[in-house]
Every structure is written in structure tokens, then in C-alpha cells.
Amino acid sequence: MVKAIRVYEHGGPEVLKWEDVEIGEPKEGEIRVKNIAIGLNFIDLYFRKGFYKTLSIPYTPGVEACGVVTAVGPGLTGRQVGDVVAFAGGAMGSYVVAFACASVLLKGMTAQFLLCRCFKVEPGHAILVHAAAGGVGSLLCQWANALGATVIGTVSTKEKAAHAKDDGWKDTFLGSLTCLKTRGYMVSFGQSSGAADPVPLSALSAKSLFLTRPALFHYTVTQDEF
């Protein structure tokens, strides 16, 4: 038996239970990992509060961690006991069984699909990034800059402005639409300022705008996409 956080109902931090769990041996294509560091992301709160739906309840939260491989499933090559790996999914436990293909942490995966697949950012594009000093925002700004785009970032405090210079959905939505050029493209992700309100199509028709609300896990359906 190993220890893990379990969630049996949606709610505040009080619904998190530290329990003994049985994780078993890794199957084909899987590895068992002893966690060293576990990430905490806004999406973990969304799942816990019920904003996003989980496949089942109870569940073990946590979408990213890194650790050391302690067992390898049958027939698996390219991974061995002692390897240091990073993975996504069911991370909040002392040990976890994970798919061996996971290799990039959540924020990097999010930045990649937003900039390269949801909308392909290229040299000459001008993009506006809200929460530019946050985990994903910081990566988006640096990555888009490296791609040759002109990057404009917004932050909530002077301290964050300094951080963003070195490298909120409700509050920014209408202003973001207004600043787009004709046939401009807006990507809304995350909801740290609250759940998204309904959007009238008339808000888009004035300039033939494009709006998408993507989810990372719809862009990692197949192993090749992942």
C-alpha cells in the first residue's frame, strides 16, 4: 500500500483525503514512479470544485509530477528503473502508475498546443497574452517571441509586470475582442477569474472574428498527438 490524496465529492480543500491506496504493478506500456515533486495547477482546483468533470469519483487529483521509475511494465523499451521522468495525470500520491509516453509537464504541453496547433503562431503575428507572468503565460510569451511574433502581455500588479518584462477571462474578454483586427483569432483558456459567461454571436460578427475555447486533452487524444 502507498499514500495518495483521494477525492470523493466536489468542494473545498476539506474534501481532500490522505489515504492508503493500492496501485499494483505496471501493465504493458506503463511504468511505476516514486514521486519527487508534484505540481499544483488551477486545473486541479477546477476538477476538485466540479467546474471540470472527472471520469470517475473517487479519484486521485494532480495533473503533473516528476519522479524516479521504480518498475517497468512487460515488453517496454526506452524506460528503465532509476530513470527520472515527468508525467501528467493522477499525480498526488507517493507512487503512481503512469503511461510511459508522458514526458513533458502540463504548462509546457499547454503552451505547445496553444501556439502550434490551436493557432499556429508565425513570424509577423502580433499576439496578446493575459496573465503574462503566470506559469503558462510566461512560457507563451517566451515561446511566441522565439517564433518571431510580436508579443504584448498584461498582468495584474506592478511586481508581475517587472517579471513579465524580464523574460482572467471575465475581466478581459470584451476588451480582448475589441482589440482584435478584422478576422482576428481569440483563444480563451483557463478560468482563474471564474466560469466563462455565454457569448452572443453578435459579439463576433462585427469584425468576422474567430473564438475558440480549447482543452488540452482534446489535443492529446492519440499517442502520436501526445
Protein backbone atom coordinates (compact mmCIF):
# COMPACT_ATOMS: atom_id res chain seq x y z
CA MET A 1 0.00 0.00 0.00
CA VAL A 2 1.10 3.58 -0.73
CA LYS A 3 -0.26 7.00 0.19
CA ALA A 4 -2.29 9.24 -2.12
CA ILE A 5 -4.82 12.07 -1.95
CA ARG A 6 -8.34 10.91 -2.80
CA VAL A 7 -11.43 12.98 -3.62
CA TYR A 8 -14.90 11.51 -3.01
CA GLU A 9 -17.00 14.65 -3.61
CA HIS A 10 -16.62 18.12 -5.06
CA GLY A 11 -15.90 21.01 -2.73
CA GLY A 12 -13.18 22.93 -0.92
CA PRO A 13 -9.83 21.69 0.42
CA GLU A 14 -11.65 19.72 3.12
CA VAL A 15 -12.68 17.06 0.54
CA LEU A 16 -9.04 16.03 0.03
CA LYS A 17 -8.35 12.76 1.89
CA TRP A 18 -4.82 11.38 2.53
CA GLU A 19 -5.29 7.60 2.35
CA ASP A 20 -3.67 4.23 1.78
CA VAL A 21 -4.19 3.05 -1.81
CA GLU A 22 -3.20 0.02 -3.85
CA ILE A 23 -1.62 0.90 -7.20
CA GLY A 24 -0.48 -2.55 -8.32
CA GLU A 25 2.18 -3.41 -10.87
CA PRO A 26 2.60 -1.54 -14.19
CA LYS A 27 0.97 -3.21 -17.19
CA GLU A 28 2.16 -3.18 -20.79
CA GLY A 29 3.17 0.34 -21.81
CA GLU A 30 3.20 1.60 -18.21
CA ILE A 31 5.77 2.49 -15.56
CA ARG A 32 5.56 2.90 -11.77
CA VAL A 33 7.03 6.15 -10.47
CA LYS A 34 8.07 7.29 -7.00
CA ASN A 35 7.13 10.97 -6.97
CA ILE A 36 9.75 13.58 -6.05
CA ALA A 37 7.88 16.80 -6.90
CA ILE A 38 4.19 17.39 -7.66
CA GLY A 39 2.79 20.44 -9.45
CA LEU A 40 -0.29 22.36 -8.30
CA ASN A 41 -2.27 23.99 -11.12
CA PHE A 42 -5.54 25.89 -11.45
CA ILE A 43 -6.99 22.91 -13.29
CA ASP A 44 -6.59 20.81 -10.12
CA LEU A 45 -8.91 23.26 -8.36
CA TYR A 46 -11.37 23.18 -11.28
CA PHE A 47 -11.65 19.40 -11.00
CA ARG A 48 -11.95 19.48 -7.21
CA LYS A 49 -14.70 22.12 -7.29
CA GLY A 50 -16.58 20.35 -10.08
CA PHE A 51 -16.04 23.03 -12.76
CA TYR A 52 -14.44 20.31 -14.91
CA LYS A 53 -15.76 16.75 -14.88
CA THR A 54 -13.61 13.79 -13.93
CA LEU A 55 -14.04 10.36 -15.49
CA SER A 56 -14.89 8.86 -12.12
CA ILE A 57 -15.26 9.61 -8.39
CA PRO A 58 -13.38 8.89 -6.20
CA TYR A 59 -10.21 9.92 -8.00
CA THR A 60 -6.61 10.92 -7.30
CA PRO A 61 -6.04 14.56 -8.31
CA GLY A 62 -2.94 16.13 -9.79
CA VAL A 63 -2.05 16.65 -13.42
CA GLU A 64 1.74 16.79 -13.27
CA ALA A 65 4.66 15.40 -11.33
CA CYS A 66 8.20 14.15 -11.72
CA GLY A 67 9.92 11.25 -10.05
CA VAL A 68 12.03 8.12 -10.37
CA VAL A 69 10.95 4.94 -12.19
CA THR A 70 10.72 2.00 -9.77
CA ALA A 71 9.16 -0.61 -12.07
CA VAL A 72 8.63 -1.07 -15.81
CA GLY A 73 5.73 -2.87 -17.49
CA PRO A 74 6.31 -6.01 -19.60
CA GLY A 75 7.79 -5.54 -23.06
CA LEU A 76 8.52 -1.85 -22.57
CA THR A 77 11.74 -0.44 -24.01
CA GLY A 78 13.20 3.04 -23.67
CA ARG A 79 12.49 3.25 -19.92
CA GLN A 80 14.29 1.54 -17.05
CA VAL A 81 14.31 1.53 -13.28
CA GLY A 82 16.16 4.60 -11.99
CA ASP A 83 15.15 6.92 -14.86
CA VAL A 84 13.94 10.39 -13.87
CA VAL A 85 10.68 11.18 -15.69
CA ALA A 86 7.89 13.75 -15.79
CA PHE A 87 4.27 12.80 -16.43
CA ALA A 88 0.67 14.03 -16.42
CA GLY A 89 -2.33 12.57 -14.57
CA GLY A 90 -3.20 11.20 -11.09
CA ALA A 91 -0.07 12.76 -9.64
CA MET A 92 -0.93 13.48 -5.98
CA GLY A 93 0.46 10.36 -4.37
CA SER A 94 3.74 8.98 -3.13
CA TYR A 95 3.76 6.49 -6.04
CA VAL A 96 1.78 6.33 -9.28
CA VAL A 97 1.45 4.09 -12.32
CA ALA A 98 1.63 6.20 -15.49
CA PHE A 99 1.79 5.76 -19.25
CA ALA A 100 5.42 5.63 -20.33
CA CYS A 101 4.92 8.11 -23.20
CA ALA A 102 4.35 11.14 -20.97
CA SER A 103 7.45 13.30 -20.91
CA VAL A 104 6.50 17.00 -20.71
CA LEU A 105 4.86 18.85 -17.83
CA LEU A 106 1.41 20.36 -18.13
CA LYS A 107 2.36 24.01 -18.64
CA GLY A 108 4.74 23.15 -21.47
CA MET A 109 2.15 20.91 -23.11
CA THR A 110 -0.43 23.70 -22.84
CA ALA A 111 1.88 26.29 -24.38
CA GLN A 112 2.76 23.93 -27.21
CA PHE A 113 -0.79 23.14 -28.28
CA LEU A 114 -1.95 26.77 -27.97
CA LEU A 115 0.90 28.20 -30.07
CA CYS A 116 1.49 25.40 -32.55
CA ARG A 117 -1.81 23.59 -33.08
CA CYS A 118 -4.78 25.56 -31.76
CA PHE A 119 -3.47 28.55 -33.72
CA LYS A 120 -0.11 28.32 -35.47
CA VAL A 121 1.88 31.39 -34.44
CA GLU A 122 4.37 32.51 -37.09
CA PRO A 123 6.83 35.38 -37.64
CA GLY A 124 5.00 38.67 -38.09
CA HIS A 125 1.97 37.74 -36.00
CA ALA A 126 1.03 40.03 -33.09
CA ILE A 127 -0.42 38.25 -30.06
CA LEU A 128 -1.83 39.44 -26.73
CA VAL A 129 -1.21 37.22 -23.69
CA HIS A 130 -3.18 37.82 -20.49
CA ALA A 131 -1.64 36.77 -17.14
CA ALA A 132 1.76 37.03 -18.82
CA ALA A 133 3.66 36.47 -15.55
CA GLY A 134 1.86 33.21 -14.71
CA GLY A 135 3.16 29.72 -15.38
CA VAL A 136 1.56 29.23 -18.80
CA GLY A 137 1.67 32.93 -19.68
CA SER A 138 5.42 33.15 -19.11
CA LEU A 139 6.02 30.18 -21.40
CA LEU A 140 3.63 31.54 -24.03
CA CYS A 141 5.46 34.88 -24.16
CA GLN A 142 8.95 33.40 -24.42
CA TRP A 143 7.91 30.74 -26.94
CA ALA A 144 5.95 33.17 -29.14
CA ASN A 145 8.86 35.60 -29.07
CA ALA A 146 11.19 32.81 -30.18
CA LEU A 147 8.79 32.08 -33.06
CA GLY A 148 9.19 35.67 -34.26
CA ALA A 149 5.84 37.07 -33.12
CA THR A 150 5.27 40.49 -31.57
CA VAL A 151 4.15 39.74 -28.01
CA ILE A 152 2.04 42.01 -25.78
CA GLY A 153 1.42 40.87 -22.20
CA THR A 154 -0.96 42.00 -19.45
CA VAL A 155 -0.55 41.45 -15.70
CA SER A 156 -2.44 42.37 -12.54
CA THR A 157 0.31 44.01 -10.44
CA LYS A 158 3.45 46.13 -10.89
CA GLU A 159 5.55 43.31 -9.45
CA LYS A 160 4.21 40.89 -12.07
CA ALA A 161 4.80 43.49 -14.77
CA ALA A 162 8.51 43.56 -13.91
CA HIS A 163 8.65 39.76 -14.00
CA ALA A 164 6.82 39.59 -17.34
CA LYS A 165 9.11 42.21 -18.87
CA ASP A 166 12.15 40.13 -17.90
CA ASP A 167 11.69 37.11 -19.77
CA GLY A 168 -8.80 36.41 -16.25
CA TRP A 169 -11.34 35.65 -18.55
CA LYS A 170 -14.34 37.74 -17.28
CA ASP A 171 -12.18 40.79 -16.67
CA THR A 172 -10.56 40.79 -20.13
CA PHE A 173 -12.96 39.13 -22.56
CA LEU A 174 -14.75 42.06 -24.21
CA GLY A 175 -11.60 44.18 -24.30
CA SER A 176 -9.76 41.30 -25.96
CA LEU A 177 -12.40 41.06 -28.69
CA THR A 178 -12.28 44.82 -29.23
CA CYS A 179 -8.52 44.90 -29.81
CA LEU A 180 -8.60 42.19 -32.49
CA LYS A 181 -8.30 43.16 -36.12
CA THR A 182 -10.82 42.01 -38.74
CA ARG A 183 -10.86 38.19 -38.91
CA GLY A 184 -8.76 38.15 -35.72
CA TYR A 185 -8.47 34.98 -33.62
CA MET A 186 -9.10 34.74 -29.88
CA VAL A 187 -8.20 31.73 -27.73
CA SER A 188 -9.74 31.52 -24.25
CA PHE A 189 -8.11 29.03 -21.87
CA GLY A 190 -8.25 28.65 -18.10
CA GLN A 191 -10.76 30.35 -15.81
CA SER A 192 -8.87 31.77 -12.85
CA SER A 193 -11.30 34.71 -12.68
CA GLY A 194 -14.37 32.46 -12.70
CA ALA A 195 -16.53 30.44 -15.06
CA ALA A 196 -16.98 31.84 -18.55
CA ASP A 197 -20.20 33.68 -19.39
CA PRO A 198 -22.26 32.93 -22.54
CA VAL A 199 -21.07 34.76 -25.65
CA PRO A 200 -23.56 36.25 -28.17
CA LEU A 201 -22.61 35.58 -31.79
CA SER A 202 -23.20 39.27 -32.48
CA ALA A 203 -20.03 40.00 -30.50
CA LEU A 204 -18.06 38.16 -33.19
CA SER A 205 -19.90 39.24 -36.32
CA ALA A 206 -18.86 42.90 -36.22
CA LYS A 207 -15.36 42.01 -37.43
CA SER A 208 -15.83 38.35 -38.52
CA LEU A 209 -13.85 37.20 -35.50
CA PHE A 210 -12.84 33.66 -34.57
CA LEU A 211 -13.21 32.40 -30.98
CA THR A 212 -12.21 29.05 -29.53
CA ARG A 213 -12.26 27.55 -26.06
CA PRO A 214 -9.83 24.61 -26.35
CA ALA A 215 -8.95 21.88 -23.86
CA LEU A 216 -5.50 20.28 -23.84
CA PHE A 217 -6.90 16.77 -23.56
CA HIS A 218 -8.79 17.16 -26.85
CA TYR A 219 -5.41 17.77 -28.49
CA THR A 220 -3.77 14.69 -26.96
CA VAL A 221 -6.34 12.06 -27.94
CA THR A 222 -3.90 9.76 -29.72
CA GLN A 223 -0.44 8.72 -28.64
CA ASP A 224 1.05 10.50 -31.67
CA GLU A 225 -0.61 13.78 -30.63
CA PHE A 226 0.60 13.29 -27.06
